[in-house]
């Protein structure tokens, strides 16, 4: 399933990928902890929309509605990154990567991880 969530939907999905299954209250609390000021009913409405779109499933356990993602984290991120690469960088992964690395200085551990990844790509 190709699914391109909005920014608000992606935020909910990221919470679910980390802690699913989760209640609306748990999801709302996680979003508040991240520093975003968003109302409970706003989160509830977004969750309802994601469920209607087929991106979430709901179970009721002891009277509590618990949600889980039906979309794969890796697939969603790959689709979003591909869209940005095609639309903003003319399809160039190199240009996208250089721009991303130029925005915030990566620390030594991130650079080492990137170096290992590049070495693996060279061997393919």
PDB file of N, CA and C in Angstrom:
ATOM      1  N   UNK A   1       0.841  -1.181   0.000  1.00  0.00           N
ATOM      2  CA  UNK A   1       0.000   0.000   0.000  1.00  0.00           C
ATOM      3  C   UNK A   1       0.885   1.242   0.000  1.00  0.00           C
ATOM      4  N   UNK A   2       0.775   2.061  -1.016  1.00  0.00           N
ATOM      5  CA  UNK A   2       1.520   3.316  -1.090  1.00  0.00           C
ATOM      6  C   UNK A   2       0.754   4.363  -0.298  1.00  0.00           C
ATOM      7  N   UNK A   3       1.369   4.884   0.734  1.00  0.00           N
ATOM      8  CA  UNK A   3       0.687   5.827   1.609  1.00  0.00           C
ATOM      9  C   UNK A   3       1.609   6.994   1.904  1.00  0.00           C
ATOM     10  N   UNK A   4       1.150   8.203   1.613  1.00  0.00           N
ATOM     11  CA  UNK A   4       1.927   9.403   1.889  1.00  0.00           C
ATOM     12  C   UNK A   4       1.171  10.249   2.910  1.00  0.00           C
ATOM     13  N   UNK A   5       1.526  10.109   4.178  1.00  0.00           N
ATOM     14  CA  UNK A   5       0.812  10.824   5.230  1.00  0.00           C
ATOM     15  C   UNK A   5       1.155  12.308   5.265  1.00  0.00           C
ATOM     16  N   UNK A   6       0.221  13.080   5.817  1.00  0.00           N
ATOM     17  CA  UNK A   6       0.496  14.488   6.085  1.00  0.00           C
ATOM     18  C   UNK A   6       1.491  14.557   7.241  1.00  0.00           C
ATOM     19  N   UNK A   7       1.965  15.745   7.536  1.00  0.00           N
ATOM     20  CA  UNK A   7       2.919  15.911   8.644  1.00  0.00           C
ATOM     21  C   UNK A   7       2.302  15.459   9.968  1.00  0.00           C
ATOM     22  N   UNK A   8       1.050  15.848  10.214  1.00  0.00           N
ATOM     23  CA  UNK A   8       0.371  15.466  11.458  1.00  0.00           C
ATOM     24  C   UNK A   8       0.148  13.956  11.516  1.00  0.00           C
ATOM     25  N   UNK A   9      -0.219  13.362  10.389  1.00  0.00           N
ATOM     26  CA  UNK A   9      -0.423  11.917  10.347  1.00  0.00           C
ATOM     27  C   UNK A   9       0.891  11.182  10.578  1.00  0.00           C
ATOM     28  N   UNK A  10       1.956  11.687  10.000  1.00  0.00           N
ATOM     29  CA  UNK A  10       3.266  11.063  10.175  1.00  0.00           C
ATOM     30  C   UNK A  10       3.694  11.093  11.640  1.00  0.00           C
ATOM     31  N   UNK A  11       3.402  12.175  12.308  1.00  0.00           N
ATOM     32  CA  UNK A  11       3.750  12.276  13.727  1.00  0.00           C
ATOM     33  C   UNK A  11       3.044  11.185  14.535  1.00  0.00           C
ATOM     34  N   UNK A  12       1.783  10.952  14.242  1.00  0.00           N
ATOM     35  CA  UNK A  12       1.024   9.903  14.927  1.00  0.00           C
ATOM     36  C   UNK A  12       1.599   8.532  14.584  1.00  0.00           C
ATOM     37  N   UNK A  13       1.893   8.314  13.323  1.00  0.00           N
ATOM     38  CA  UNK A  13       2.478   7.036  12.916  1.00  0.00           C
ATOM     39  C   UNK A  13       3.810   6.786  13.608  1.00  0.00           C
ATOM     40  N   UNK A  14       4.632   7.813  13.732  1.00  0.00           N
ATOM     41  CA  UNK A  14       5.934   7.643  14.386  1.00  0.00           C
ATOM     42  C   UNK A  14       5.763   7.230  15.847  1.00  0.00           C
ATOM     43  N   UNK A  15       4.773   7.799  16.515  1.00  0.00           N
ATOM     44  CA  UNK A  15       4.494   7.393  17.895  1.00  0.00           C
ATOM     45  C   UNK A  15       4.067   5.928  17.910  1.00  0.00           C
ATOM     46  N   UNK A  16       3.155   5.569  17.021  1.00  0.00           N
ATOM     47  CA  UNK A  16       2.676   4.186  16.995  1.00  0.00           C
ATOM     48  C   UNK A  16       3.787   3.202  16.654  1.00  0.00           C
ATOM     49  N   UNK A  17       4.644   3.536  15.719  1.00  0.00           N
ATOM     50  CA  UNK A  17       5.744   2.632  15.381  1.00  0.00           C
ATOM     51  C   UNK A  17       6.638   2.387  16.596  1.00  0.00           C
ATOM     52  N   UNK A  18       6.701   3.349  17.492  1.00  0.00           N
ATOM     53  CA  UNK A  18       7.552   3.217  18.680  1.00  0.00           C
ATOM     54  C   UNK A  18       6.867   2.458  19.814  1.00  0.00           C
ATOM     55  N   UNK A  19       5.544   2.633  19.981  1.00  0.00           N
ATOM     56  CA  UNK A  19       4.896   2.093  21.186  1.00  0.00           C
ATOM     57  C   UNK A  19       3.630   1.282  20.923  1.00  0.00           C
ATOM     58  N   UNK A  20       3.356   0.931  19.675  1.00  0.00           N
ATOM     59  CA  UNK A  20       2.071   0.282  19.409  1.00  0.00           C
ATOM     60  C   UNK A  20       1.943  -1.070  20.087  1.00  0.00           C
ATOM     61  N   UNK A  21       0.715  -1.452  20.421  1.00  0.00           N
ATOM     62  CA  UNK A  21      -0.517  -0.686  20.260  1.00  0.00           C
ATOM     63  C   UNK A  21      -0.596   0.418  21.306  1.00  0.00           C
ATOM     64  N   UNK A  22      -1.359   1.454  20.984  1.00  0.00           N
ATOM     65  CA  UNK A  22      -1.455   2.594  21.899  1.00  0.00           C
ATOM     66  C   UNK A  22      -2.842   3.212  21.837  1.00  0.00           C
ATOM     67  N   UNK A  23      -3.234   3.788  22.954  1.00  0.00           N
ATOM     68  CA  UNK A  23      -4.507   4.503  23.039  1.00  0.00           C
ATOM     69  C   UNK A  23      -4.316   5.929  22.530  1.00  0.00           C
ATOM     70  N   UNK A  24      -5.425   6.592  22.265  1.00  0.00           N
ATOM     71  CA  UNK A  24      -5.360   7.994  21.846  1.00  0.00           C
ATOM     72  C   UNK A  24      -4.648   8.809  22.921  1.00  0.00           C
ATOM     73  N   UNK A  25      -4.971   8.536  24.182  1.00  0.00           N
ATOM     74  CA  UNK A  25      -4.347   9.273  25.288  1.00  0.00           C
ATOM     75  C   UNK A  25      -2.828   9.100  25.281  1.00  0.00           C
ATOM     76  N   UNK A  26      -2.356   7.873  25.099  1.00  0.00           N
ATOM     77  CA  UNK A  26      -0.906   7.618  25.068  1.00  0.00           C
ATOM     78  C   UNK A  26      -0.243   8.341  23.905  1.00  0.00           C
ATOM     79  N   UNK A  27      -0.888   8.299  22.752  1.00  0.00           N
ATOM     80  CA  UNK A  27      -0.349   8.979  21.573  1.00  0.00           C
ATOM     81  C   UNK A  27      -0.303  10.480  21.816  1.00  0.00           C
ATOM     82  N   UNK A  28      -1.383  11.029  22.351  1.00  0.00           N
ATOM     83  CA  UNK A  28      -1.453  12.464  22.639  1.00  0.00           C
ATOM     84  C   UNK A  28      -0.356  12.870  23.616  1.00  0.00           C
ATOM     85  N   UNK A  29      -0.171  12.081  24.675  1.00  0.00           N
ATOM     86  CA  UNK A  29       0.861  12.399  25.669  1.00  0.00           C
ATOM     87  C   UNK A  29       2.256  12.398  25.046  1.00  0.00           C
ATOM     88  N   UNK A  30       2.543  11.432  24.180  1.00  0.00           N
ATOM     89  CA  UNK A  30       3.849  11.371  23.516  1.00  0.00           C
ATOM     90  C   UNK A  30       4.084  12.603  22.649  1.00  0.00           C
ATOM     91  N   UNK A  31       3.035  13.027  21.944  1.00  0.00           N
ATOM     92  CA  UNK A  31       3.166  14.212  21.090  1.00  0.00           C
ATOM     93  C   UNK A  31       3.412  15.449  21.944  1.00  0.00           C
ATOM     94  N   UNK A  32       2.696  15.568  23.069  1.00  0.00           N
ATOM     95  CA  UNK A  32       2.922  16.702  23.975  1.00  0.00           C
ATOM     96  C   UNK A  32       4.348  16.683  24.520  1.00  0.00           C
ATOM     97  N   UNK A  33       4.851  15.491  24.853  1.00  0.00           N
ATOM     98  CA  UNK A  33       6.219  15.361  25.369  1.00  0.00           C
ATOM     99  C   UNK A  33       7.259  15.818  24.350  1.00  0.00           C
ATOM    100  N   UNK A  34       6.918  15.733  23.075  1.00  0.00           N
ATOM    101  CA  UNK A  34       7.860  16.152  22.033  1.00  0.00           C
ATOM    102  C   UNK A  34       7.893  17.670  21.863  1.00  0.00           C
ATOM    103  N   UNK A  35       7.029  18.373  22.616  1.00  0.00           N
ATOM    104  CA  UNK A  35       7.039  19.831  22.570  1.00  0.00           C
ATOM    105  C   UNK A  35       5.963  20.454  21.710  1.00  0.00           C
ATOM    106  N   UNK A  36       5.145  19.635  21.079  1.00  0.00           N
ATOM    107  CA  UNK A  36       4.056  20.165  20.250  1.00  0.00           C
ATOM    108  C   UNK A  36       2.838  20.414  21.124  1.00  0.00           C
ATOM    109  N   UNK A  37       2.207  21.547  20.913  1.00  0.00           N
ATOM    110  CA  UNK A  37       0.993  21.885  21.652  1.00  0.00           C
ATOM    111  C   UNK A  37      -0.206  21.566  20.767  1.00  0.00           C
ATOM    112  N   UNK A  38      -0.736  20.369  20.946  1.00  0.00           N
ATOM    113  CA  UNK A  38      -1.862  19.922  20.129  1.00  0.00           C
ATOM    114  C   UNK A  38      -2.933  19.348  21.049  1.00  0.00           C
ATOM    115  N   UNK A  39      -4.170  19.623  20.729  1.00  0.00           N
ATOM    116  CA  UNK A  39      -5.272  19.181  21.567  1.00  0.00           C
ATOM    117  C   UNK A  39      -5.585  17.702  21.410  1.00  0.00           C
ATOM    118  N   UNK A  40      -6.162  17.141  22.453  1.00  0.00           N
ATOM    119  CA  UNK A  40      -6.553  15.734  22.448  1.00  0.00           C
ATOM    120  C   UNK A  40      -7.516  15.437  21.305  1.00  0.00           C
ATOM    121  N   UNK A  41      -8.516  16.304  21.124  1.00  0.00           N
ATOM    122  CA  UNK A  41      -9.514  16.048  20.074  1.00  0.00           C
ATOM    123  C   UNK A  41      -8.904  16.134  18.678  1.00  0.00           C
ATOM    124  N   UNK A  42      -7.880  16.957  18.515  1.00  0.00           N
ATOM    125  CA  UNK A  42      -7.186  17.037  17.226  1.00  0.00           C
ATOM    126  C   UNK A  42      -6.491  15.714  16.925  1.00  0.00           C
ATOM    127  N   UNK A  43      -5.815  15.164  17.927  1.00  0.00           N
ATOM    128  CA  UNK A  43      -5.144  13.873  17.764  1.00  0.00           C
ATOM    129  C   UNK A  43      -6.182  12.786  17.487  1.00  0.00           C
ATOM    130  N   UNK A  44      -7.277  12.809  18.227  1.00  0.00           N
ATOM    131  CA  UNK A  44      -8.344  11.829  18.022  1.00  0.00           C
ATOM    132  C   UNK A  44      -8.867  11.880  16.589  1.00  0.00           C
ATOM    133  N   UNK A  45      -9.118  13.077  16.079  1.00  0.00           N
ATOM    134  CA  UNK A  45      -9.641  13.232  14.719  1.00  0.00           C
ATOM    135  C   UNK A  45      -8.637  12.710  13.688  1.00  0.00           C
ATOM    136  N   UNK A  46      -7.356  13.007  13.878  1.00  0.00           N
ATOM    137  CA  UNK A  46      -6.325  12.509  12.961  1.00  0.00           C
ATOM    138  C   UNK A  46      -6.273  10.976  12.986  1.00  0.00           C
ATOM    139  N   UNK A  47      -6.394  10.397  14.167  1.00  0.00           N
ATOM    140  CA  UNK A  47      -6.384   8.936  14.297  1.00  0.00           C
ATOM    141  C   UNK A  47      -7.597   8.342  13.590  1.00  0.00           C
ATOM    142  N   UNK A  48      -8.755   8.980  13.749  1.00  0.00           N
ATOM    143  CA  UNK A  48      -9.960   8.510  13.062  1.00  0.00           C
ATOM    144  C   UNK A  48      -9.773   8.561  11.545  1.00  0.00           C
ATOM    145  N   UNK A  49      -9.175   9.636  11.056  1.00  0.00           N
ATOM    146  CA  UNK A  49      -8.926   9.758   9.611  1.00  0.00           C
ATOM    147  C   UNK A  49      -7.946   8.692   9.122  1.00  0.00           C
ATOM    148  N   UNK A  50      -6.889   8.466   9.886  1.00  0.00           N
ATOM    149  CA  UNK A  50      -5.920   7.433   9.510  1.00  0.00           C
ATOM    150  C   UNK A  50      -6.581   6.051   9.482  1.00  0.00           C
ATOM    151  N   UNK A  51      -7.490   5.820  10.414  1.00  0.00           N
ATOM    152  CA  UNK A  51      -8.217   4.550  10.446  1.00  0.00           C
ATOM    153  C   UNK A  51      -9.118   4.422   9.221  1.00  0.00           C
ATOM    154  N   UNK A  52      -9.817   5.510   8.881  1.00  0.00           N
ATOM    155  CA  UNK A  52     -10.685   5.510   7.693  1.00  0.00           C
ATOM    156  C   UNK A  52      -9.884   5.276   6.414  1.00  0.00           C
ATOM    157  N   UNK A  53      -8.665   5.786   6.365  1.00  0.00           N
ATOM    158  CA  UNK A  53      -7.804   5.624   5.189  1.00  0.00           C
ATOM    159  C   UNK A  53      -7.189   4.227   5.106  1.00  0.00           C
ATOM    160  N   UNK A  54      -7.377   3.431   6.154  1.00  0.00           N
ATOM    161  CA  UNK A  54      -6.819   2.085   6.158  1.00  0.00           C
ATOM    162  C   UNK A  54      -5.387   2.009   6.641  1.00  0.00           C
ATOM    163  N   UNK A  55      -4.886   3.080   7.245  1.00  0.00           N
ATOM    164  CA  UNK A  55      -3.506   3.103   7.729  1.00  0.00           C
ATOM    165  C   UNK A  55      -3.385   2.596   9.162  1.00  0.00           C
ATOM    166  N   UNK A  56      -4.492   2.598   9.905  1.00  0.00           N
ATOM    167  CA  UNK A  56      -4.494   2.129  11.288  1.00  0.00           C
ATOM    168  C   UNK A  56      -5.582   1.086  11.482  1.00  0.00           C
ATOM    169  N   UNK A  57      -5.369   0.242  12.477  1.00  0.00           N
ATOM    170  CA  UNK A  57      -6.373  -0.723  12.900  1.00  0.00           C
ATOM    171  C   UNK A  57      -6.661  -0.457  14.370  1.00  0.00           C
ATOM    172  N   UNK A  58      -7.881  -0.754  14.777  1.00  0.00           N
ATOM    173  CA  UNK A  58      -8.283  -0.490  16.159  1.00  0.00           C
ATOM    174  C   UNK A  58      -8.795  -1.775  16.790  1.00  0.00           C
ATOM    175  N   UNK A  59      -8.348  -2.033  18.010  1.00  0.00           N
ATOM    176  CA  UNK A  59      -8.866  -3.120  18.835  1.00  0.00           C
ATOM    177  C   UNK A  59      -9.392  -2.502  20.119  1.00  0.00           C
ATOM    178  N   UNK A  60     -10.368  -3.144  20.728  1.00  0.00           N
ATOM    179  CA  UNK A  60     -10.879  -2.695  22.018  1.00  0.00           C
ATOM    180  C   UNK A  60     -10.488  -3.748  23.045  1.00  0.00           C
ATOM    181  N   UNK A  61      -9.691  -3.327  24.023  1.00  0.00           N
ATOM    182  CA  UNK A  61      -9.229  -4.213  25.082  1.00  0.00           C
ATOM    183  C   UNK A  61      -9.635  -3.602  26.413  1.00  0.00           C
ATOM    184  N   UNK A  62     -10.465  -4.317  27.154  1.00  0.00           N
ATOM    185  CA  UNK A  62     -10.966  -3.830  28.446  1.00  0.00           C
ATOM    186  C   UNK A  62     -11.573  -2.437  28.321  1.00  0.00           C
ATOM    187  N   UNK A  63     -12.279  -2.203  27.246  1.00  0.00           N
ATOM    188  CA  UNK A  63     -12.952  -0.922  27.036  1.00  0.00           C
ATOM    189  C   UNK A  63     -12.065   0.194  26.510  1.00  0.00           C
ATOM    190  N   UNK A  64     -10.793  -0.095  26.296  1.00  0.00           N
ATOM    191  CA  UNK A  64      -9.862   0.918  25.796  1.00  0.00           C
ATOM    192  C   UNK A  64      -9.592   0.651  24.319  1.00  0.00           C
ATOM    193  N   UNK A  65      -9.708   1.691  23.505  1.00  0.00           N
ATOM    194  CA  UNK A  65      -9.422   1.574  22.079  1.00  0.00           C
ATOM    195  C   UNK A  65      -7.913   1.664  21.879  1.00  0.00           C
ATOM    196  N   UNK A  66      -7.346   0.611  21.326  1.00  0.00           N
ATOM    197  CA  UNK A  66      -5.909   0.566  21.065  1.00  0.00           C
ATOM    198  C   UNK A  66      -5.685   0.528  19.561  1.00  0.00           C
ATOM    199  N   UNK A  67      -4.769   1.367  19.101  1.00  0.00           N
ATOM    200  CA  UNK A  67      -4.500   1.499  17.674  1.00  0.00           C
ATOM    201  C   UNK A  67      -3.126   0.947  17.347  1.00  0.00           C
ATOM    202  N   UNK A  68      -3.028   0.416  16.126  1.00  0.00           N
ATOM    203  CA  UNK A  68      -1.729  -0.031  15.617  1.00  0.00           C
ATOM    204  C   UNK A  68      -1.662   0.325  14.141  1.00  0.00           C
ATOM    205  N   UNK A  69      -0.464   0.492  13.669  1.00  0.00           N
ATOM    206  CA  UNK A  69      -0.252   0.882  12.282  1.00  0.00           C
ATOM    207  C   UNK A  69      -0.407  -0.314  11.348  1.00  0.00           C
ATOM    208  N   UNK A  70      -1.026  -0.071  10.218  1.00  0.00           N
ATOM    209  CA  UNK A  70      -1.116  -1.079   9.161  1.00  0.00           C
ATOM    210  C   UNK A  70      -0.155  -0.761   8.021  1.00  0.00           C
ATOM    211  N   UNK A  71       0.569   0.348   8.154  1.00  0.00           N
ATOM    212  CA  UNK A  71       1.542   0.733   7.134  1.00  0.00           C
ATOM    213  C   UNK A  71       2.943   0.543   7.703  1.00  0.00           C
ATOM    214  N   UNK A  72       3.830   0.056   6.866  1.00  0.00           N
ATOM    215  CA  UNK A  72       5.190  -0.250   7.262  1.00  0.00           C
ATOM    216  C   UNK A  72       6.036   1.021   7.342  1.00  0.00           C
ATOM    217  N   UNK A  73       6.743   1.186   8.453  1.00  0.00           N
ATOM    218  CA  UNK A  73       7.564   2.382   8.667  1.00  0.00           C
ATOM    219  C   UNK A  73       8.591   2.577   7.551  1.00  0.00           C
ATOM    220  N   UNK A  74       9.310   1.530   7.223  1.00  0.00           N
ATOM    221  CA  UNK A  74      10.346   1.639   6.192  1.00  0.00           C
ATOM    222  C   UNK A  74       9.738   2.038   4.847  1.00  0.00           C
ATOM    223  N   UNK A  75       8.600   1.438   4.498  1.00  0.00           N
ATOM    224  CA  UNK A  75       7.952   1.745   3.219  1.00  0.00           C
ATOM    225  C   UNK A  75       7.484   3.194   3.154  1.00  0.00           C
ATOM    226  N   UNK A  76       6.893   3.679   4.248  1.00  0.00           N
ATOM    227  CA  UNK A  76       6.401   5.063   4.276  1.00  0.00           C
ATOM    228  C   UNK A  76       7.568   6.034   4.149  1.00  0.00           C
ATOM    229  N   UNK A  77       8.625   5.798   4.901  1.00  0.00           N
ATOM    230  CA  UNK A  77       9.784   6.692   4.850  1.00  0.00           C
ATOM    231  C   UNK A  77      10.458   6.653   3.482  1.00  0.00           C
ATOM    232  N   UNK A  78      10.523   5.468   2.892  1.00  0.00           N
ATOM    233  CA  UNK A  78      11.120   5.345   1.561  1.00  0.00           C
ATOM    234  C   UNK A  78      10.281   6.108   0.536  1.00  0.00           C
ATOM    235  N   UNK A  79       8.969   6.000   0.630  1.00  0.00           N
ATOM    236  CA  UNK A  79       8.076   6.710  -0.288  1.00  0.00           C
ATOM    237  C   UNK A  79       8.216   8.226  -0.124  1.00  0.00           C
ATOM    238  N   UNK A  80       8.254   8.698   1.128  1.00  0.00           N
ATOM    239  CA  UNK A  80       8.394  10.135   1.380  1.00  0.00           C
ATOM    240  C   UNK A  80       9.744  10.659   0.898  1.00  0.00           C
ATOM    241  N   UNK A  81      10.811   9.914   1.196  1.00  0.00           N
ATOM    242  CA  UNK A  81      12.143  10.343   0.755  1.00  0.00           C
ATOM    243  C   UNK A  81      12.231  10.357  -0.767  1.00  0.00           C
ATOM    244  N   UNK A  82      11.643   9.360  -1.401  1.00  0.00           N
ATOM    245  CA  UNK A  82      11.644   9.313  -2.860  1.00  0.00           C
ATOM    246  C   UNK A  82      10.905  10.488  -3.468  1.00  0.00           C
ATOM    247  N   UNK A  83       9.797  10.858  -2.855  1.00  0.00           N
ATOM    248  CA  UNK A  83       9.021  11.999  -3.359  1.00  0.00           C
ATOM    249  C   UNK A  83       9.833  13.289  -3.243  1.00  0.00           C
ATOM    250  N   UNK A  84      10.477  13.493  -2.098  1.00  0.00           N
ATOM    251  CA  UNK A  84      11.309  14.688  -1.910  1.00  0.00           C
ATOM    252  C   UNK A  84      12.462  14.680  -2.904  1.00  0.00           C
ATOM    253  N   UNK A  85      13.090  13.530  -3.068  1.00  0.00           N
ATOM    254  CA  UNK A  85      14.222  13.436  -3.994  1.00  0.00           C
ATOM    255  C   UNK A  85      13.790  13.773  -5.422  1.00  0.00           C
ATOM    256  N   UNK A  86      12.646  13.244  -5.843  1.00  0.00           N
ATOM    257  CA  UNK A  86      12.166  13.500  -7.210  1.00  0.00           C
ATOM    258  C   UNK A  86      11.739  14.949  -7.403  1.00  0.00           C
ATOM    259  N   UNK A  87      11.014  15.502  -6.426  1.00  0.00           N
ATOM    260  CA  UNK A  87      10.437  16.836  -6.619  1.00  0.00           C
ATOM    261  C   UNK A  87      11.400  17.971  -6.295  1.00  0.00           C
ATOM    262  N   UNK A  88      12.195  17.827  -5.259  1.00  0.00           N
ATOM    263  CA  UNK A  88      13.059  18.930  -4.836  1.00  0.00           C
ATOM    264  C   UNK A  88      14.493  18.821  -5.353  1.00  0.00           C
ATOM    265  N   UNK A  89      14.925  17.612  -5.683  1.00  0.00           N
ATOM    266  CA  UNK A  89      16.324  17.424  -6.061  1.00  0.00           C
ATOM    267  C   UNK A  89      16.485  16.781  -7.434  1.00  0.00           C
ATOM    268  N   UNK A  90      15.455  16.844  -8.246  1.00  0.00           N
ATOM    269  CA  UNK A  90      15.533  16.334  -9.610  1.00  0.00           C
ATOM    270  C   UNK A  90      15.914  14.871  -9.712  1.00  0.00           C
ATOM    271  N   UNK A  91      15.599  14.102  -8.680  1.00  0.00           N
ATOM    272  CA  UNK A  91      15.905  12.677  -8.693  1.00  0.00           C
ATOM    273  C   UNK A  91      17.310  12.331  -8.229  1.00  0.00           C
ATOM    274  N   UNK A  92      18.082  13.322  -7.799  1.00  0.00           N
ATOM    275  CA  UNK A  92      19.470  13.083  -7.398  1.00  0.00           C
ATOM    276  C   UNK A  92      19.579  12.776  -5.902  1.00  0.00           C
ATOM    277  N   UNK A  93      19.907  11.518  -5.600  1.00  0.00           N
ATOM    278  CA  UNK A  93      20.112  11.129  -4.206  1.00  0.00           C
ATOM    279  C   UNK A  93      21.319  11.858  -3.618  1.00  0.00           C
ATOM    280  N   UNK A  94      22.345  12.051  -4.434  1.00  0.00           N
ATOM    281  CA  UNK A  94      23.551  12.741  -3.975  1.00  0.00           C
ATOM    282  C   UNK A  94      23.236  14.174  -3.563  1.00  0.00           C
ATOM    283  N   UNK A  95      22.506  14.894  -4.394  1.00  0.00           N
ATOM    284  CA  UNK A  95      22.152  16.278  -4.069  1.00  0.00           C
ATOM    285  C   UNK A  95      21.310  16.340  -2.792  1.00  0.00           C
ATOM    286  N   UNK A  96      20.381  15.406  -2.656  1.00  0.00           N
ATOM    287  CA  UNK A  96      19.540  15.379  -1.460  1.00  0.00           C
ATOM    288  C   UNK A  96      20.381  15.106  -0.216  1.00  0.00           C
ATOM    289  N   UNK A  97      21.293  14.149  -0.301  1.00  0.00           N
ATOM    290  CA  UNK A  97      22.135  13.805   0.839  1.00  0.00           C
ATOM    291  C   UNK A  97      23.057  14.966   1.215  1.00  0.00           C
ATOM    292  N   UNK A  98      23.652  15.596   0.209  1.00  0.00           N
ATOM    293  CA  UNK A  98      24.554  16.721   0.486  1.00  0.00           C
ATOM    294  C   UNK A  98      23.788  17.878   1.125  1.00  0.00           C
ATOM    295  N   UNK A  99      22.577  18.125   0.665  1.00  0.00           N
ATOM    296  CA  UNK A  99      21.766  19.189   1.247  1.00  0.00           C
ATOM    297  C   UNK A  99      21.424  18.853   2.702  1.00  0.00           C
ATOM    298  N   UNK A 100      21.013  17.618   2.944  1.00  0.00           N
ATOM    299  CA  UNK A 100      20.651  17.208   4.300  1.00  0.00           C
ATOM    300  C   UNK A 100      21.845  17.315   5.246  1.00  0.00           C
ATOM    301  N   UNK A 101      23.004  16.888   4.796  1.00  0.00           N
ATOM    302  CA  UNK A 101      24.193  16.950   5.645  1.00  0.00           C
ATOM    303  C   UNK A 101      24.662  18.382   5.857  1.00  0.00           C
ATOM    304  N   UNK A 102      24.353  19.269   4.929  1.00  0.00           N
ATOM    305  CA  UNK A 102      24.747  20.665   5.062  1.00  0.00           C
ATOM    306  C   UNK A 102      23.856  21.464   5.995  1.00  0.00           C
ATOM    307  N   UNK A 103      22.671  20.944   6.298  1.00  0.00           N
ATOM    308  CA  UNK A 103      21.730  21.669   7.154  1.00  0.00           C
ATOM    309  C   UNK A 103      22.163  21.672   8.616  1.00  0.00           C
ATOM    310  N   UNK A 104      22.575  20.527   9.099  1.00  0.00           N
ATOM    311  CA  UNK A 104      23.043  20.404  10.481  1.00  0.00           C
ATOM    312  C   UNK A 104      24.305  19.562  10.458  1.00  0.00           C
ATOM    313  N   UNK A 105      25.290  20.010  11.196  1.00  0.00           N
ATOM    314  CA  UNK A 105      26.571  19.304  11.188  1.00  0.00           C
ATOM    315  C   UNK A 105      26.420  17.949  11.882  1.00  0.00           C
ATOM    316  N   UNK A 106      26.677  16.860  11.137  1.00  0.00           N
ATOM    317  CA  UNK A 106      26.596  15.537  11.756  1.00  0.00           C
ATOM    318  C   UNK A 106      27.739  15.347  12.750  1.00  0.00           C
ATOM    319  N   UNK A 107      27.463  14.575  13.815  1.00  0.00           N
ATOM    320  CA  UNK A 107      28.525  14.316  14.788  1.00  0.00           C
ATOM    321  C   UNK A 107      29.425  13.191  14.266  1.00  0.00           C
ATOM    322  N   UNK A 108      30.486  12.918  14.999  1.00  0.00           N
ATOM    323  CA  UNK A 108      31.483  11.939  14.553  1.00  0.00           C
ATOM    324  C   UNK A 108      30.872  10.550  14.370  1.00  0.00           C
ATOM    325  N   UNK A 109      29.982  10.156  15.265  1.00  0.00           N
ATOM    326  CA  UNK A 109      29.358   8.833  15.163  1.00  0.00           C
ATOM    327  C   UNK A 109      28.495   8.731  13.906  1.00  0.00           C
ATOM    328  N   UNK A 110      27.771   9.793  13.591  1.00  0.00           N
ATOM    329  CA  UNK A 110      26.941   9.792  12.384  1.00  0.00           C
ATOM    330  C   UNK A 110      27.806   9.741  11.127  1.00  0.00           C
ATOM    331  N   UNK A 111      28.905  10.487  11.141  1.00  0.00           N
ATOM    332  CA  UNK A 111      29.813  10.460   9.990  1.00  0.00           C
ATOM    333  C   UNK A 111      30.436   9.079   9.809  1.00  0.00           C
ATOM    334  N   UNK A 112      30.775   8.428  10.915  1.00  0.00           N
ATOM    335  CA  UNK A 112      31.340   7.079  10.840  1.00  0.00           C
ATOM    336  C   UNK A 112      30.306   6.103  10.280  1.00  0.00           C
ATOM    337  N   UNK A 113      29.066   6.233  10.719  1.00  0.00           N
ATOM    338  CA  UNK A 113      27.992   5.381  10.205  1.00  0.00           C
ATOM    339  C   UNK A 113      27.780   5.622   8.709  1.00  0.00           C
ATOM    340  N   UNK A 114      27.833   6.881   8.307  1.00  0.00           N
ATOM    341  CA  UNK A 114      27.694   7.225   6.891  1.00  0.00           C
ATOM    342  C   UNK A 114      28.850   6.638   6.079  1.00  0.00           C
ATOM    343  N   UNK A 115      30.054   6.722   6.631  1.00  0.00           N
ATOM    344  CA  UNK A 115      31.228   6.170   5.941  1.00  0.00           C
ATOM    345  C   UNK A 115      31.069   4.665   5.741  1.00  0.00           C
ATOM    346  N   UNK A 116      30.617   3.955   6.771  1.00  0.00           N
ATOM    347  CA  UNK A 116      30.405   2.509   6.652  1.00  0.00           C
ATOM    348  C   UNK A 116      29.356   2.211   5.584  1.00  0.00           C
ATOM    349  N   UNK A 117      28.287   2.983   5.580  1.00  0.00           N
ATOM    350  CA  UNK A 117      27.226   2.783   4.594  1.00  0.00           C
ATOM    351  C   UNK A 117      27.762   3.005   3.177  1.00  0.00           C
ATOM    352  N   UNK A 118      28.542   4.078   3.002  1.00  0.00           N
ATOM    353  CA  UNK A 118      29.113   4.357   1.680  1.00  0.00           C
ATOM    354  C   UNK A 118      30.065   3.244   1.240  1.00  0.00           C
ATOM    355  N   UNK A 119      30.869   2.740   2.189  1.00  0.00           N
ATOM    356  CA  UNK A 119      31.776   1.631   1.875  1.00  0.00           C
ATOM    357  C   UNK A 119      30.988   0.404   1.413  1.00  0.00           C
ATOM    358  N   UNK A 120      29.874   0.117   2.074  1.00  0.00           N
ATOM    359  CA  UNK A 120      29.028  -1.016   1.679  1.00  0.00           C
ATOM    360  C   UNK A 120      28.451  -0.797   0.287  1.00  0.00           C
ATOM    361  N   UNK A 121      28.050   0.420  -0.001  1.00  0.00           N
ATOM    362  CA  UNK A 121      27.477   0.724  -1.317  1.00  0.00           C
ATOM    363  C   UNK A 121      28.515   0.562  -2.419  1.00  0.00           C
ATOM    364  N   UNK A 122      29.760   0.893  -2.119  1.00  0.00           N
ATOM    365  CA  UNK A 122      30.837   0.778  -3.107  1.00  0.00           C
ATOM    366  C   UNK A 122      31.116  -0.688  -3.445  1.00  0.00           C
ATOM    367  N   UNK A 123      30.874  -1.589  -2.492  1.00  0.00           N
ATOM    368  CA  UNK A 123      31.145  -3.012  -2.695  1.00  0.00           C
ATOM    369  C   UNK A 123      30.053  -3.699  -3.508  1.00  0.00           C
ATOM    370  N   UNK A 124      28.907  -3.070  -3.649  1.00  0.00           N
ATOM    371  CA  UNK A 124      27.788  -3.685  -4.383  1.00  0.00           C
ATOM    372  C   UNK A 124      28.015  -3.651  -5.868  1.00  0.00           C
TER     373      UNK A 124
END
